[in-house]
Amino acid sequence: MNNFDEAMRVLEEKFGNQDALISLSTIAQSPNADGSPVPAARIVNVFYEDGCFYSVTNAASTKMQQIAKNPEVAVCFIVESFTASGIGENLGWVCDEKNAELMAKIRPIFAGWYDEANNDEDTNTVLLRIRLTKCVWNDAHAGIRNEIDFINKIA
């Protein structure tokens, strides 16, 4: 198994088939007083599969408006010192046939809170995909630093 395959195995082991909380950062639509971009961060529940995080959200939310304007995002999982960059994509309504396979995996994993937080009848309830492009997994205490390039498939 090469380093990239091993890194993907570890990611699947750590994040796969479970509800995880990550920090998702986007760029605000309005710059600061000096005209510079302003980062915006929030905690989101995600499901991980094949180099992507998935979250259910509202298409009218601030994060989705920001992603529509600039799809470059950053994520962080503090407990493991995992930071990554990626591309945010609105995959559309959660009940759209094209999302059926993913939602069949996501709904049971998010079952404890899903119905309280989401309204599947509302077509603005959408699936957000965060397609990872690169990440750093750093454990300073163990002296380990792993960099993963998802585009070129190297680690």
Protein backbone atom coordinates (compact mmCIF):
# COMPACT_ATOMS: atom_id res chain seq x y z
CA MET A 1 0.00 0.00 0.00
CA ASN A 2 1.48 3.38 -0.97
CA ASN A 3 1.46 6.46 1.31
CA PHE A 4 -1.62 8.00 -0.32
CA ASP A 5 -3.64 4.79 -0.01
CA GLU A 6 -2.56 4.47 3.62
CA ALA A 7 -3.55 8.10 4.29
CA MET A 8 -6.97 7.50 2.71
CA ARG A 9 -7.40 4.36 4.84
CA VAL A 10 -6.63 6.34 7.99
CA LEU A 11 -9.05 9.12 6.98
CA GLU A 12 -11.78 6.54 6.40
CA GLU A 13 -11.00 4.92 9.73
CA LYS A 14 -11.10 8.25 11.57
CA PHE A 15 -14.07 9.95 9.86
CA GLY A 16 -15.95 7.29 7.88
CA ASN A 17 -19.43 6.01 8.79
CA GLN A 18 -19.93 8.42 11.65
CA ASP A 19 -21.15 11.90 12.52
CA ALA A 20 -18.16 14.21 12.98
CA LEU A 21 -17.96 17.89 13.90
CA ILE A 22 -15.53 20.04 11.95
CA SER A 23 -14.90 23.74 11.66
CA LEU A 24 -15.80 24.99 8.18
CA SER A 25 -14.30 28.30 7.06
CA THR A 26 -15.46 30.37 4.12
CA ILE A 27 -14.81 33.92 2.94
CA ALA A 28 -17.43 36.53 3.87
CA GLN A 29 -19.09 38.37 1.01
CA SER A 30 -18.22 41.79 2.43
CA PRO A 31 -14.57 42.78 2.94
CA ASN A 32 -13.28 44.47 6.09
CA ALA A 33 -12.77 48.26 6.35
CA ASP A 34 -9.39 47.93 4.56
CA GLY A 35 -10.96 45.98 1.69
CA SER A 36 -9.40 42.65 2.68
CA PRO A 37 -11.33 39.37 2.66
CA VAL A 38 -12.81 38.29 5.99
CA PRO A 39 -12.82 34.63 7.03
CA ALA A 40 -15.97 33.15 8.53
CA ALA A 41 -15.92 29.92 10.55
CA ARG A 42 -18.60 27.68 11.99
CA ILE A 43 -18.98 24.14 13.31
CA VAL A 44 -20.85 21.70 11.05
CA ASN A 45 -21.81 18.04 11.28
CA VAL A 46 -20.26 16.02 8.47
CA PHE A 47 -20.14 12.56 6.98
CA TYR A 48 -16.86 11.53 5.28
CA GLU A 49 -16.44 9.35 2.20
CA ASP A 50 -13.71 9.09 -0.47
CA GLY A 51 -11.91 12.38 0.17
CA CYS A 52 -15.10 14.40 0.69
CA PHE A 53 -17.05 15.68 3.66
CA TYR A 54 -20.83 15.98 3.29
CA SER A 55 -23.17 18.16 5.32
CA VAL A 56 -26.89 18.91 5.14
CA THR A 57 -27.69 22.61 5.30
CA ASN A 58 -29.99 25.31 3.97
CA ALA A 59 -29.26 26.77 0.55
CA ALA A 60 -30.12 30.25 1.85
CA SER A 61 -27.62 30.06 4.75
CA THR A 62 -24.73 32.49 4.88
CA LYS A 63 -22.18 29.71 4.36
CA MET A 64 -23.89 28.54 1.17
CA GLN A 65 -24.11 32.11 -0.15
CA GLN A 66 -20.40 32.52 0.56
CA ILE A 67 -19.55 29.20 -1.12
CA ALA A 68 -21.60 30.18 -4.18
CA LYS A 69 -19.46 33.31 -4.51
CA ASN A 70 -16.14 31.64 -3.61
CA PRO A 71 -16.11 27.81 -3.35
CA GLU A 72 -12.64 27.67 -1.72
CA VAL A 73 -13.09 26.50 1.87
CA ALA A 74 -10.97 25.31 4.78
CA VAL A 75 -11.80 22.70 7.40
CA CYS A 76 -10.31 21.77 10.73
CA PHE A 77 -10.76 18.86 13.12
CA ILE A 78 -9.06 20.12 16.26
CA VAL A 79 -8.89 16.89 18.22
CA GLU A 80 -6.60 15.29 15.65
CA SER A 81 -4.86 18.48 14.44
CA PHE A 82 -6.30 17.90 10.96
CA THR A 83 -6.53 20.93 8.67
CA ALA A 84 -7.52 20.89 5.02
CA SER A 85 -8.47 22.97 2.02
CA GLY A 86 -11.19 22.04 -0.40
CA ILE A 87 -13.94 23.05 -2.76
CA GLY A 88 -17.48 23.49 -1.45
CA GLU A 89 -20.27 22.41 -3.79
CA ASN A 90 -24.04 22.62 -3.46
CA LEU A 91 -25.27 19.21 -4.68
CA GLY A 92 -28.90 20.33 -4.53
CA TRP A 93 -32.00 19.22 -2.69
CA VAL A 94 -31.46 16.26 -0.38
CA CYS A 95 -34.49 14.47 -1.89
CA ASP A 96 -33.26 14.81 -5.47
CA GLU A 97 -32.81 11.37 -7.03
CA LYS A 98 -29.12 12.10 -7.74
CA ASN A 99 -28.53 12.42 -3.95
CA ALA A 100 -30.50 9.30 -2.94
CA GLU A 101 -27.49 7.00 -2.50
CA LEU A 102 -25.55 9.48 -0.32
CA MET A 103 -28.60 10.45 1.71
CA ALA A 104 -29.32 6.75 2.38
CA LYS A 105 -25.92 6.68 4.15
CA ILE A 106 -26.15 10.09 5.80
CA ARG A 107 -29.66 9.99 7.31
CA PRO A 108 -28.96 6.98 9.62
CA ILE A 109 -25.66 8.50 10.75
CA PHE A 110 -27.31 11.87 11.54
CA ALA A 111 -30.50 10.16 12.86
CA GLY A 112 -30.18 11.47 16.41
CA TRP A 113 -30.79 15.08 15.35
CA TYR A 114 -31.53 15.11 11.61
CA ASP A 115 -35.33 15.56 11.71
CA GLU A 116 -35.12 18.33 14.33
CA ALA A 117 -32.61 20.32 12.28
CA ASN A 118 -33.81 19.72 8.71
CA ASN A 119 -36.98 19.82 6.65
CA ASP A 120 -36.67 17.51 3.67
CA GLU A 121 -39.90 18.94 2.20
CA ASP A 122 -38.11 22.28 1.77
CA THR A 123 -36.17 22.26 -1.51
CA ASN A 124 -33.65 24.59 0.16
CA THR A 125 -32.52 21.67 2.34
CA VAL A 126 -29.42 20.77 0.37
CA LEU A 127 -26.39 18.53 0.44
CA LEU A 128 -23.06 20.32 0.70
CA ARG A 129 -19.99 18.44 -0.55
CA ILE A 130 -16.54 19.58 0.55
CA ARG A 131 -14.14 17.98 -1.91
CA LEU A 132 -10.73 17.98 -0.19
CA THR A 133 -7.78 19.19 -2.24
CA LYS A 134 -4.97 19.08 0.34
CA CYS A 135 -4.55 18.54 4.05
CA VAL A 136 -2.05 18.39 6.85
CA TRP A 137 -2.42 15.93 9.69
CA ASN A 138 -0.04 17.03 12.40
CA ASP A 139 0.70 15.35 15.73
CA ALA A 140 3.46 17.48 17.23
CA HIS A 141 3.60 15.35 20.38
CA ALA A 142 4.34 12.21 18.37
CA GLY A 143 6.57 14.02 15.89
CA ILE A 144 4.29 13.12 12.96
CA ARG A 145 3.32 15.40 10.09
CA ASN A 146 1.47 13.97 7.11
CA GLU A 147 0.56 16.03 4.07
CA ILE A 148 -2.00 14.70 1.61
CA ASP A 149 -2.50 16.05 -1.91
CA PHE A 150 -5.92 14.77 -3.03
CA ILE A 151 -5.58 16.12 -6.57
CA ASN A 152 -2.26 14.42 -7.39
CA LYS A 153 -3.00 11.49 -5.04
CA ILE A 154 0.23 11.70 -3.09
CA ALA A 155 1.06 11.75 0.62
